[in-house]
Amino acid sequence: MSGLLQGQPPENKQVMVGVVMTREGTPLAHHVFPGNTPDAAAFSEVIEELSTRFGIKRVILVGDLGMFNTKVIARIEELKLEYVAGMKMRQDWT
């Protein structure tokens, strides 16, 4: 897996790990991505899996600014999912 940690020797590889949990905090699934995977790309892949693999009726996605972009927001809304996104106070997605 690729992706380097800032300020660390190149032999220290970085990975991104994501966990899908229930409201109570019970893990349902996990994902491991190469460390250089953009947050929005990883998030998009997880969104698709949630709707197809689990058949979950109601999903609330929570993420920071790096996980959301216009394309991701459009897909979330297309799937009729709910989301909470950390963003700059004056950012406009339109």
N, C-alpha and C. Protein backbone atom coordinates (compact mmCIF):
# COMPACT_ATOMS: atom_id res chain seq x y z
N MET A 1 0.85 -1.17 0.00
CA MET A 1 0.00 0.00 0.00
C MET A 1 0.89 1.23 0.00
N SER A 2 0.42 2.25 -0.65
CA SER A 2 1.25 3.44 -0.76
C SER A 2 0.72 4.57 0.10
N GLY A 3 1.40 5.68 0.05
CA GLY A 3 1.08 6.83 0.86
C GLY A 3 2.14 6.96 1.93
N LEU A 4 2.72 8.12 2.03
CA LEU A 4 3.80 8.32 2.99
C LEU A 4 3.35 9.25 4.11
N LEU A 5 3.87 9.02 5.29
CA LEU A 5 3.62 9.91 6.40
C LEU A 5 4.53 11.12 6.28
N GLN A 6 3.99 12.30 6.50
CA GLN A 6 4.80 13.50 6.42
C GLN A 6 5.90 13.46 7.47
N GLY A 7 7.11 13.76 7.04
CA GLY A 7 8.23 13.83 7.95
C GLY A 7 8.75 12.49 8.42
N GLN A 8 8.28 11.41 7.84
CA GLN A 8 8.71 10.08 8.24
C GLN A 8 9.52 9.44 7.12
N PRO A 9 10.39 8.51 7.45
CA PRO A 9 11.16 7.81 6.41
C PRO A 9 10.24 7.09 5.43
N PRO A 10 10.65 6.97 4.15
CA PRO A 10 9.80 6.34 3.14
C PRO A 10 9.41 4.90 3.43
N GLU A 11 10.15 4.20 4.29
CA GLU A 11 9.78 2.81 4.58
C GLU A 11 8.55 2.70 5.48
N ASN A 12 8.14 3.81 6.11
CA ASN A 12 6.93 3.83 6.93
C ASN A 12 5.73 4.12 6.03
N LYS A 13 4.97 3.10 5.71
CA LYS A 13 3.81 3.26 4.82
C LYS A 13 2.58 3.66 5.62
N GLN A 14 1.70 4.37 4.95
CA GLN A 14 0.46 4.84 5.56
C GLN A 14 -0.71 4.17 4.87
N VAL A 15 -1.73 3.79 5.65
CA VAL A 15 -2.98 3.27 5.10
C VAL A 15 -4.12 4.05 5.73
N MET A 16 -5.26 4.01 5.08
CA MET A 16 -6.46 4.64 5.61
C MET A 16 -7.43 3.53 5.99
N VAL A 17 -7.92 3.56 7.21
CA VAL A 17 -8.86 2.55 7.69
C VAL A 17 -10.17 3.24 8.02
N GLY A 18 -11.26 2.69 7.52
CA GLY A 18 -12.59 3.22 7.81
C GLY A 18 -13.44 2.13 8.43
N VAL A 19 -14.31 2.52 9.35
CA VAL A 19 -15.18 1.56 10.02
C VAL A 19 -16.63 2.02 9.86
N VAL A 20 -17.50 1.09 9.48
CA VAL A 20 -18.94 1.35 9.40
C VAL A 20 -19.54 0.78 10.68
N MET A 21 -20.26 1.64 11.44
CA MET A 21 -20.81 1.22 12.73
C MET A 21 -22.29 1.51 12.83
N THR A 22 -22.95 0.79 13.71
CA THR A 22 -24.35 1.06 14.03
C THR A 22 -24.41 2.28 14.95
N ARG A 23 -25.60 2.73 15.19
CA ARG A 23 -25.82 3.85 16.11
C ARG A 23 -25.24 3.56 17.49
N GLU A 24 -25.27 2.29 17.89
CA GLU A 24 -24.77 1.91 19.19
C GLU A 24 -23.25 1.73 19.21
N GLY A 25 -22.61 1.83 18.05
CA GLY A 25 -21.16 1.69 17.98
C GLY A 25 -20.68 0.30 17.64
N THR A 26 -21.60 -0.59 17.27
CA THR A 26 -21.21 -1.94 16.87
C THR A 26 -20.64 -1.90 15.45
N PRO A 27 -19.43 -2.39 15.25
CA PRO A 27 -18.86 -2.39 13.89
C PRO A 27 -19.61 -3.35 12.96
N LEU A 28 -19.89 -2.89 11.74
CA LEU A 28 -20.52 -3.73 10.72
C LEU A 28 -19.53 -4.15 9.65
N ALA A 29 -18.62 -3.27 9.32
CA ALA A 29 -17.65 -3.54 8.26
C ALA A 29 -16.46 -2.61 8.43
N HIS A 30 -15.38 -2.97 7.78
CA HIS A 30 -14.22 -2.09 7.76
C HIS A 30 -13.67 -2.03 6.34
N HIS A 31 -12.92 -1.01 6.07
CA HIS A 31 -12.31 -0.81 4.76
C HIS A 31 -10.87 -0.37 4.98
N VAL A 32 -9.98 -0.86 4.15
CA VAL A 32 -8.59 -0.45 4.20
C VAL A 32 -8.22 0.04 2.80
N PHE A 33 -7.72 1.26 2.73
CA PHE A 33 -7.36 1.89 1.46
C PHE A 33 -5.88 2.26 1.49
N PRO A 34 -5.26 2.35 0.32
CA PRO A 34 -3.88 2.87 0.28
C PRO A 34 -3.85 4.27 0.91
N GLY A 35 -2.76 4.61 1.55
CA GLY A 35 -2.64 5.88 2.24
C GLY A 35 -2.78 7.10 1.37
N ASN A 36 -2.56 6.95 0.06
CA ASN A 36 -2.67 8.11 -0.82
C ASN A 36 -4.05 8.21 -1.48
N THR A 37 -5.02 7.44 -1.00
CA THR A 37 -6.38 7.52 -1.52
C THR A 37 -7.03 8.81 -1.01
N PRO A 38 -7.56 9.63 -1.90
CA PRO A 38 -8.27 10.84 -1.43
C PRO A 38 -9.46 10.45 -0.56
N ASP A 39 -9.70 11.21 0.50
CA ASP A 39 -10.81 10.91 1.40
C ASP A 39 -12.13 10.79 0.65
N ALA A 40 -12.40 11.71 -0.26
CA ALA A 40 -13.68 11.69 -0.99
C ALA A 40 -13.83 10.42 -1.82
N ALA A 41 -12.75 9.91 -2.40
CA ALA A 41 -12.81 8.68 -3.20
C ALA A 41 -13.13 7.48 -2.31
N ALA A 42 -12.48 7.41 -1.16
CA ALA A 42 -12.74 6.30 -0.23
C ALA A 42 -14.18 6.38 0.28
N PHE A 43 -14.61 7.57 0.62
CA PHE A 43 -15.96 7.79 1.13
C PHE A 43 -16.99 7.37 0.09
N SER A 44 -16.75 7.71 -1.18
CA SER A 44 -17.67 7.34 -2.26
C SER A 44 -17.82 5.83 -2.35
N GLU A 45 -16.72 5.12 -2.24
CA GLU A 45 -16.76 3.65 -2.32
C GLU A 45 -17.59 3.07 -1.18
N VAL A 46 -17.42 3.61 0.01
CA VAL A 46 -18.16 3.13 1.17
C VAL A 46 -19.64 3.42 1.03
N ILE A 47 -19.99 4.58 0.51
CA ILE A 47 -21.39 4.96 0.30
C ILE A 47 -22.07 3.93 -0.60
N GLU A 48 -21.41 3.58 -1.71
CA GLU A 48 -21.99 2.60 -2.63
C GLU A 48 -22.20 1.26 -1.94
N GLU A 49 -21.24 0.84 -1.14
CA GLU A 49 -21.36 -0.45 -0.46
C GLU A 49 -22.50 -0.44 0.56
N LEU A 50 -22.67 0.66 1.27
CA LEU A 50 -23.73 0.73 2.27
C LEU A 50 -25.09 0.48 1.64
N SER A 51 -25.31 1.05 0.47
CA SER A 51 -26.62 0.92 -0.15
C SER A 51 -26.82 -0.45 -0.80
N THR A 52 -25.75 -1.07 -1.30
CA THR A 52 -25.91 -2.36 -1.98
C THR A 52 -25.70 -3.56 -1.06
N ARG A 53 -24.65 -3.55 -0.28
CA ARG A 53 -24.32 -4.72 0.55
C ARG A 53 -25.24 -4.90 1.75
N PHE A 54 -25.56 -3.79 2.42
CA PHE A 54 -26.31 -3.90 3.66
C PHE A 54 -27.80 -3.66 3.51
N GLY A 55 -28.22 -3.03 2.44
CA GLY A 55 -29.64 -2.74 2.26
C GLY A 55 -30.21 -1.92 3.41
N ILE A 56 -29.39 -1.07 3.97
CA ILE A 56 -29.80 -0.26 5.11
C ILE A 56 -30.82 0.78 4.67
N LYS A 57 -31.88 0.94 5.43
CA LYS A 57 -32.94 1.87 5.08
C LYS A 57 -32.58 3.32 5.38
N ARG A 58 -31.90 3.54 6.51
CA ARG A 58 -31.56 4.92 6.89
C ARG A 58 -30.09 4.96 7.26
N VAL A 59 -29.36 5.82 6.59
CA VAL A 59 -27.94 6.00 6.84
C VAL A 59 -27.67 7.48 7.04
N ILE A 60 -26.92 7.80 8.07
CA ILE A 60 -26.46 9.17 8.27
C ILE A 60 -24.94 9.13 8.20
N LEU A 61 -24.40 9.73 7.17
CA LEU A 61 -22.96 9.78 6.96
C LEU A 61 -22.39 10.99 7.68
N VAL A 62 -21.31 10.79 8.39
CA VAL A 62 -20.66 11.89 9.12
C VAL A 62 -19.21 11.94 8.66
N GLY A 63 -18.78 13.12 8.23
CA GLY A 63 -17.42 13.24 7.76
C GLY A 63 -16.90 14.66 7.87
N ASP A 64 -15.58 14.77 7.74
CA ASP A 64 -14.97 16.09 7.78
C ASP A 64 -14.93 16.68 6.38
N LEU A 65 -14.39 17.85 6.27
CA LEU A 65 -14.36 18.59 5.01
C LEU A 65 -13.69 17.81 3.88
N GLY A 66 -12.66 17.02 4.18
CA GLY A 66 -11.95 16.28 3.15
C GLY A 66 -12.73 15.13 2.56
N MET A 67 -13.80 14.70 3.22
CA MET A 67 -14.56 13.55 2.74
C MET A 67 -15.68 13.93 1.79
N PHE A 68 -16.01 15.20 1.73
CA PHE A 68 -17.12 15.64 0.90
C PHE A 68 -16.64 16.54 -0.22
N ASN A 69 -17.20 16.36 -1.39
CA ASN A 69 -17.02 17.28 -2.50
C ASN A 69 -18.35 17.30 -3.26
N THR A 70 -18.45 18.09 -4.29
CA THR A 70 -19.71 18.23 -5.02
C THR A 70 -20.21 16.89 -5.55
N LYS A 71 -19.31 16.07 -6.08
CA LYS A 71 -19.68 14.77 -6.63
C LYS A 71 -20.20 13.83 -5.54
N VAL A 72 -19.52 13.80 -4.40
CA VAL A 72 -19.94 12.94 -3.30
C VAL A 72 -21.29 13.38 -2.76
N ILE A 73 -21.47 14.68 -2.57
CA ILE A 73 -22.76 15.21 -2.08
C ILE A 73 -23.89 14.84 -3.05
N ALA A 74 -23.65 14.98 -4.34
CA ALA A 74 -24.68 14.64 -5.33
C ALA A 74 -25.06 13.16 -5.23
N ARG A 75 -24.07 12.28 -5.07
CA ARG A 75 -24.36 10.84 -4.97
C ARG A 75 -25.10 10.52 -3.68
N ILE A 76 -24.72 11.15 -2.57
CA ILE A 76 -25.42 10.94 -1.30
C ILE A 76 -26.88 11.33 -1.45
N GLU A 77 -27.13 12.46 -2.07
CA GLU A 77 -28.50 12.93 -2.24
C GLU A 77 -29.27 12.05 -3.22
N GLU A 78 -28.59 11.56 -4.25
CA GLU A 78 -29.22 10.65 -5.21
C GLU A 78 -29.68 9.36 -4.52
N LEU A 79 -28.88 8.87 -3.58
CA LEU A 79 -29.22 7.66 -2.83
C LEU A 79 -30.19 7.94 -1.68
N LYS A 80 -30.55 9.22 -1.52
CA LYS A 80 -31.47 9.66 -0.47
C LYS A 80 -30.95 9.33 0.94
N LEU A 81 -29.64 9.51 1.11
CA LEU A 81 -29.03 9.32 2.41
C LEU A 81 -28.92 10.67 3.11
N GLU A 82 -28.77 10.63 4.41
CA GLU A 82 -28.60 11.86 5.18
C GLU A 82 -27.11 12.00 5.50
N TYR A 83 -26.68 13.23 5.78
CA TYR A 83 -25.27 13.45 6.08
C TYR A 83 -25.06 14.66 6.98
N VAL A 84 -23.96 14.60 7.70
CA VAL A 84 -23.48 15.71 8.51
C VAL A 84 -22.05 15.95 8.03
N ALA A 85 -21.80 17.14 7.50
CA ALA A 85 -20.49 17.44 6.92
C ALA A 85 -19.86 18.62 7.64
N GLY A 86 -18.64 18.43 8.09
CA GLY A 86 -17.87 19.55 8.61
C GLY A 86 -17.43 20.39 7.42
N MET A 87 -17.65 21.68 7.48
CA MET A 87 -17.28 22.54 6.36
C MET A 87 -16.99 23.95 6.85
N LYS A 88 -16.38 24.73 5.98
CA LYS A 88 -16.11 26.13 6.30
C LYS A 88 -17.44 26.85 6.41
N MET A 89 -17.47 27.85 7.24
CA MET A 89 -18.74 28.57 7.50
C MET A 89 -19.38 29.13 6.24
N ARG A 90 -18.60 29.57 5.29
CA ARG A 90 -19.17 30.24 4.12
C ARG A 90 -18.99 29.43 2.83
N GLN A 91 -18.85 28.13 2.95
CA GLN A 91 -18.67 27.30 1.76
C GLN A 91 -20.03 27.00 1.12
N ASP A 92 -20.08 27.07 -0.22
CA ASP A 92 -21.30 26.81 -0.96
C ASP A 92 -21.05 25.63 -1.90
N TRP A 93 -21.87 24.58 -1.84
CA TRP A 93 -21.69 23.38 -2.66
C TRP A 93 -22.34 23.51 -4.03
N THR A 94 -23.09 24.58 -4.29
CA THR A 94 -23.76 24.70 -5.58
C THR A 94 -22.89 25.30 -6.64
